[in-house]
N, C-alpha and C. Protein backbone atom coordinates (compact mmCIF):
# COMPACT_ATOMS: atom_id res chain seq x y z
N MET A 1 90.76 135.86 98.73
CA MET A 1 91.12 135.64 100.09
C MET A 1 91.50 134.19 100.36
N SER A 2 91.20 133.31 99.44
CA SER A 2 91.58 131.92 99.67
C SER A 2 93.04 131.72 99.26
N ALA A 3 93.77 131.10 100.13
CA ALA A 3 95.19 130.83 99.87
C ALA A 3 95.31 129.57 99.03
N LYS A 4 96.19 129.61 98.06
CA LYS A 4 96.43 128.44 97.24
C LYS A 4 97.40 127.51 97.97
N THR A 5 97.00 126.30 98.08
CA THR A 5 97.88 125.33 98.72
C THR A 5 98.43 124.39 97.66
N SER A 6 99.66 124.02 97.82
CA SER A 6 100.31 123.12 96.89
C SER A 6 100.37 121.73 97.52
N TYR A 7 99.81 120.76 96.82
CA TYR A 7 99.80 119.40 97.32
C TYR A 7 100.92 118.55 96.72
N SER A 8 101.76 119.14 95.91
CA SER A 8 102.87 118.38 95.33
C SER A 8 104.12 118.67 96.15
N TYR A 9 104.65 117.63 96.71
CA TYR A 9 105.86 117.76 97.51
C TYR A 9 107.05 117.36 96.66
N PRO A 10 108.09 118.17 96.63
CA PRO A 10 109.24 117.84 95.79
C PRO A 10 110.02 116.66 96.38
N TYR A 11 110.52 115.84 95.48
CA TYR A 11 111.35 114.72 95.90
C TYR A 11 112.72 115.23 96.33
N SER A 12 113.28 114.57 97.28
CA SER A 12 114.66 114.88 97.62
C SER A 12 115.56 114.19 96.60
N ALA A 13 116.81 114.55 96.59
CA ALA A 13 117.74 113.97 95.62
C ALA A 13 117.92 112.47 95.88
N ASN A 14 117.93 112.08 97.15
CA ASN A 14 118.09 110.65 97.46
C ASN A 14 116.88 109.84 97.02
N MET A 15 115.70 110.39 97.19
CA MET A 15 114.49 109.68 96.77
C MET A 15 114.41 109.56 95.26
N LYS A 16 114.85 110.59 94.55
CA LYS A 16 114.86 110.54 93.09
C LYS A 16 115.84 109.49 92.59
N LEU A 17 117.02 109.41 93.24
CA LEU A 17 118.00 108.39 92.88
C LEU A 17 117.46 106.99 93.17
N PHE A 18 116.84 106.82 94.33
CA PHE A 18 116.25 105.53 94.68
C PHE A 18 115.16 105.13 93.68
N THR A 19 114.33 106.06 93.29
CA THR A 19 113.26 105.78 92.32
C THR A 19 113.85 105.38 90.97
N ASN A 20 114.88 106.07 90.53
CA ASN A 20 115.52 105.73 89.25
C ASN A 20 116.14 104.34 89.29
N ILE A 21 116.77 103.98 90.42
CA ILE A 21 117.38 102.66 90.54
C ILE A 21 116.30 101.57 90.54
N VAL A 22 115.21 101.80 91.25
CA VAL A 22 114.12 100.82 91.29
C VAL A 22 113.49 100.65 89.90
N LEU A 23 113.29 101.75 89.19
CA LEU A 23 112.73 101.65 87.83
C LEU A 23 113.68 100.93 86.89
N LEU A 24 114.98 101.17 87.03
CA LEU A 24 115.96 100.49 86.19
C LEU A 24 115.96 98.99 86.47
N LEU A 25 115.98 98.61 87.74
CA LEU A 25 115.98 97.19 88.09
C LEU A 25 114.68 96.51 87.66
N ALA A 26 113.57 97.20 87.80
CA ALA A 26 112.29 96.64 87.36
C ALA A 26 112.28 96.47 85.84
N GLY A 27 112.87 97.42 85.13
CA GLY A 27 112.93 97.32 83.67
C GLY A 27 113.81 96.19 83.21
N VAL A 28 114.97 96.02 83.85
CA VAL A 28 115.88 94.93 83.48
C VAL A 28 115.23 93.58 83.76
N ALA A 29 114.64 93.43 84.95
CA ALA A 29 114.01 92.16 85.30
C ALA A 29 112.77 91.88 84.45
N GLY A 30 111.95 92.89 84.25
CA GLY A 30 110.73 92.70 83.47
C GLY A 30 110.99 92.38 82.01
N THR A 31 111.89 93.12 81.40
CA THR A 31 112.19 92.85 79.99
C THR A 31 112.94 91.54 79.82
N GLY A 32 113.75 91.17 80.80
CA GLY A 32 114.42 89.87 80.75
C GLY A 32 113.43 88.73 80.84
N PHE A 33 112.44 88.87 81.71
CA PHE A 33 111.41 87.86 81.88
C PHE A 33 110.59 87.70 80.59
N VAL A 34 110.20 88.81 80.01
CA VAL A 34 109.43 88.77 78.76
C VAL A 34 110.28 88.21 77.63
N SER A 35 111.55 88.62 77.58
CA SER A 35 112.44 88.16 76.52
C SER A 35 112.69 86.66 76.57
N PHE A 36 112.73 86.11 77.77
CA PHE A 36 112.93 84.67 77.91
C PHE A 36 111.82 83.91 77.20
N PHE A 37 110.58 84.29 77.43
CA PHE A 37 109.46 83.59 76.81
C PHE A 37 109.35 83.87 75.32
N VAL A 38 109.65 85.09 74.91
CA VAL A 38 109.60 85.41 73.47
C VAL A 38 110.70 84.66 72.73
N ALA A 39 111.92 84.62 73.30
CA ALA A 39 113.03 83.92 72.65
C ALA A 39 112.75 82.43 72.57
N ARG A 40 112.15 81.87 73.61
CA ARG A 40 111.82 80.44 73.60
C ARG A 40 110.83 80.14 72.49
N THR A 41 109.84 81.00 72.32
CA THR A 41 108.85 80.81 71.27
C THR A 41 109.46 80.98 69.89
N VAL A 42 110.32 81.98 69.75
CA VAL A 42 110.96 82.23 68.44
C VAL A 42 111.82 81.05 68.03
N VAL A 43 112.56 80.49 68.97
CA VAL A 43 113.44 79.38 68.63
C VAL A 43 112.64 78.10 68.39
N GLN A 44 111.58 77.87 69.15
CA GLN A 44 110.77 76.67 68.94
C GLN A 44 110.04 76.68 67.61
N THR A 45 109.75 77.85 67.08
CA THR A 45 109.10 77.91 65.77
C THR A 45 110.10 77.85 64.63
N ALA A 46 111.38 77.66 64.97
CA ALA A 46 112.46 77.51 63.98
C ALA A 46 112.61 78.74 63.10
N THR A 47 112.51 79.90 63.70
CA THR A 47 112.67 81.14 62.95
C THR A 47 114.10 81.31 62.45
N PHE A 48 115.07 80.83 63.24
CA PHE A 48 116.48 80.95 62.86
C PHE A 48 117.00 79.73 62.13
N GLY A 49 116.13 78.90 61.64
CA GLY A 49 116.54 77.69 60.93
C GLY A 49 116.11 76.46 61.71
N THR A 50 116.46 75.30 61.19
CA THR A 50 116.06 74.06 61.84
C THR A 50 116.96 73.77 63.02
N CYS A 51 116.43 72.99 63.94
CA CYS A 51 117.20 72.57 65.11
C CYS A 51 117.90 71.27 64.76
N PHE A 52 119.21 71.33 64.57
CA PHE A 52 119.98 70.16 64.19
C PHE A 52 120.95 69.82 65.32
N ASP A 53 120.88 68.64 65.85
CA ASP A 53 121.74 68.17 66.94
C ASP A 53 121.71 69.08 68.15
N GLY A 54 120.54 69.48 68.55
CA GLY A 54 120.41 70.29 69.76
C GLY A 54 120.86 71.72 69.60
N GLY A 55 120.88 72.23 68.40
CA GLY A 55 121.32 73.61 68.16
C GLY A 55 120.31 74.66 68.57
N CYS A 56 119.11 74.25 68.95
CA CYS A 56 118.09 75.22 69.36
C CYS A 56 118.50 75.96 70.62
N GLY A 57 119.10 75.26 71.55
CA GLY A 57 119.53 75.90 72.79
C GLY A 57 120.56 76.97 72.55
N TYR A 58 121.52 76.70 71.67
CA TYR A 58 122.54 77.70 71.37
C TYR A 58 121.96 78.91 70.67
N ALA A 59 121.02 78.67 69.76
CA ALA A 59 120.36 79.79 69.08
C ALA A 59 119.57 80.64 70.05
N ALA A 60 118.93 79.99 71.01
CA ALA A 60 118.13 80.72 71.99
C ALA A 60 119.01 81.54 72.92
N VAL A 61 120.09 80.94 73.41
CA VAL A 61 120.92 81.61 74.42
C VAL A 61 121.77 82.71 73.81
N PHE A 62 122.37 82.45 72.66
CA PHE A 62 123.36 83.39 72.12
C PHE A 62 122.84 84.29 71.02
N LEU A 63 121.67 84.03 70.47
CA LEU A 63 121.17 84.87 69.38
C LEU A 63 119.82 85.48 69.72
N ALA A 64 118.83 84.67 69.99
CA ALA A 64 117.47 85.18 70.16
C ALA A 64 117.31 85.97 71.45
N PHE A 65 117.78 85.42 72.57
CA PHE A 65 117.56 86.08 73.85
C PHE A 65 118.22 87.46 73.93
N PRO A 66 119.52 87.61 73.58
CA PRO A 66 120.10 88.97 73.64
C PRO A 66 119.44 89.94 72.67
N LEU A 67 119.08 89.47 71.50
CA LEU A 67 118.44 90.34 70.52
C LEU A 67 117.07 90.82 71.00
N VAL A 68 116.27 89.90 71.51
CA VAL A 68 114.94 90.26 72.00
C VAL A 68 115.05 91.13 73.25
N TRP A 69 116.01 90.82 74.13
CA TRP A 69 116.17 91.61 75.35
C TRP A 69 116.59 93.04 75.02
N PHE A 70 117.48 93.21 74.05
CA PHE A 70 117.90 94.55 73.65
C PHE A 70 116.72 95.35 73.12
N VAL A 71 115.91 94.73 72.28
CA VAL A 71 114.77 95.44 71.68
C VAL A 71 113.73 95.79 72.75
N THR A 72 113.40 94.84 73.63
CA THR A 72 112.38 95.13 74.64
C THR A 72 112.88 96.14 75.66
N PHE A 73 114.16 96.10 76.01
CA PHE A 73 114.68 97.09 76.96
C PHE A 73 114.72 98.47 76.32
N ALA A 74 115.04 98.56 75.04
CA ALA A 74 115.02 99.85 74.35
C ALA A 74 113.60 100.41 74.31
N LEU A 75 112.61 99.55 74.09
CA LEU A 75 111.21 100.00 74.11
C LEU A 75 110.81 100.46 75.51
N TYR A 76 111.31 99.77 76.54
CA TYR A 76 111.01 100.16 77.92
C TYR A 76 111.61 101.53 78.23
N VAL A 77 112.84 101.77 77.82
CA VAL A 77 113.47 103.06 78.08
C VAL A 77 112.76 104.17 77.33
N MET A 78 112.35 103.90 76.10
CA MET A 78 111.61 104.91 75.34
C MET A 78 110.28 105.22 76.02
N ALA A 79 109.58 104.20 76.50
CA ALA A 79 108.31 104.43 77.19
C ALA A 79 108.53 105.18 78.49
N LEU A 80 109.60 104.87 79.19
CA LEU A 80 109.91 105.56 80.45
C LEU A 80 110.19 107.04 80.20
N LEU A 81 110.94 107.34 79.16
CA LEU A 81 111.25 108.74 78.86
C LEU A 81 110.01 109.50 78.41
N ILE A 82 109.15 108.85 77.66
CA ILE A 82 107.91 109.51 77.23
C ILE A 82 106.99 109.73 78.43
N TRP A 83 106.94 108.74 79.33
CA TRP A 83 106.08 108.83 80.50
C TRP A 83 106.53 109.96 81.43
N ARG A 84 107.82 110.14 81.55
CA ARG A 84 108.34 111.21 82.41
C ARG A 84 108.33 112.57 81.70
N LYS A 85 108.17 112.56 80.41
CA LYS A 85 108.05 113.77 79.58
C LYS A 85 109.29 114.66 79.62
N ARG A 86 110.43 114.09 79.96
CA ARG A 86 111.69 114.82 79.85
C ARG A 86 112.83 113.81 79.82
N PRO A 87 113.85 114.09 79.06
CA PRO A 87 114.99 113.18 79.03
C PRO A 87 115.75 113.21 80.35
N PHE A 88 116.49 112.15 80.62
CA PHE A 88 117.27 112.08 81.85
C PHE A 88 118.33 113.18 81.92
N ARG A 89 118.88 113.58 80.78
CA ARG A 89 119.96 114.56 80.81
C ARG A 89 119.50 115.92 81.30
N GLN A 90 118.22 116.22 81.22
CA GLN A 90 117.73 117.50 81.71
C GLN A 90 117.48 117.50 83.21
N SER A 91 117.42 116.32 83.83
CA SER A 91 117.17 116.27 85.26
C SER A 91 118.41 116.64 86.07
N ARG A 92 119.60 116.64 85.46
CA ARG A 92 120.82 117.01 86.17
C ARG A 92 121.10 118.50 86.10
N GLY A 93 120.31 119.25 85.39
CA GLY A 93 120.50 120.68 85.29
C GLY A 93 121.19 121.09 84.00
N ASP A 94 121.50 120.15 83.12
CA ASP A 94 122.09 120.50 81.81
C ASP A 94 121.03 121.15 80.94
N ALA A 95 121.44 122.13 80.19
CA ALA A 95 120.48 122.80 79.31
C ALA A 95 120.80 122.54 77.88
């Protein structure tokens, strides 16, 4: 005789889009922030060779930072997909 009540309210399409955009922006900003400090540490420890005539800045900007940012953003996307337990392509109705 007890009626089952559902406490999960479905998201509207606009709210789902807004949530995805916020998560994407948070991921880009967060991984960029982390990558800045990791790249600075990697270059200061001379992982890519010695710093000759101020070459550390160029190594950090053009080599270490994009490489570290790509890796951390890929890890973020993988964690996001695992956390949601479904790939993005299935949310559009593709089977």
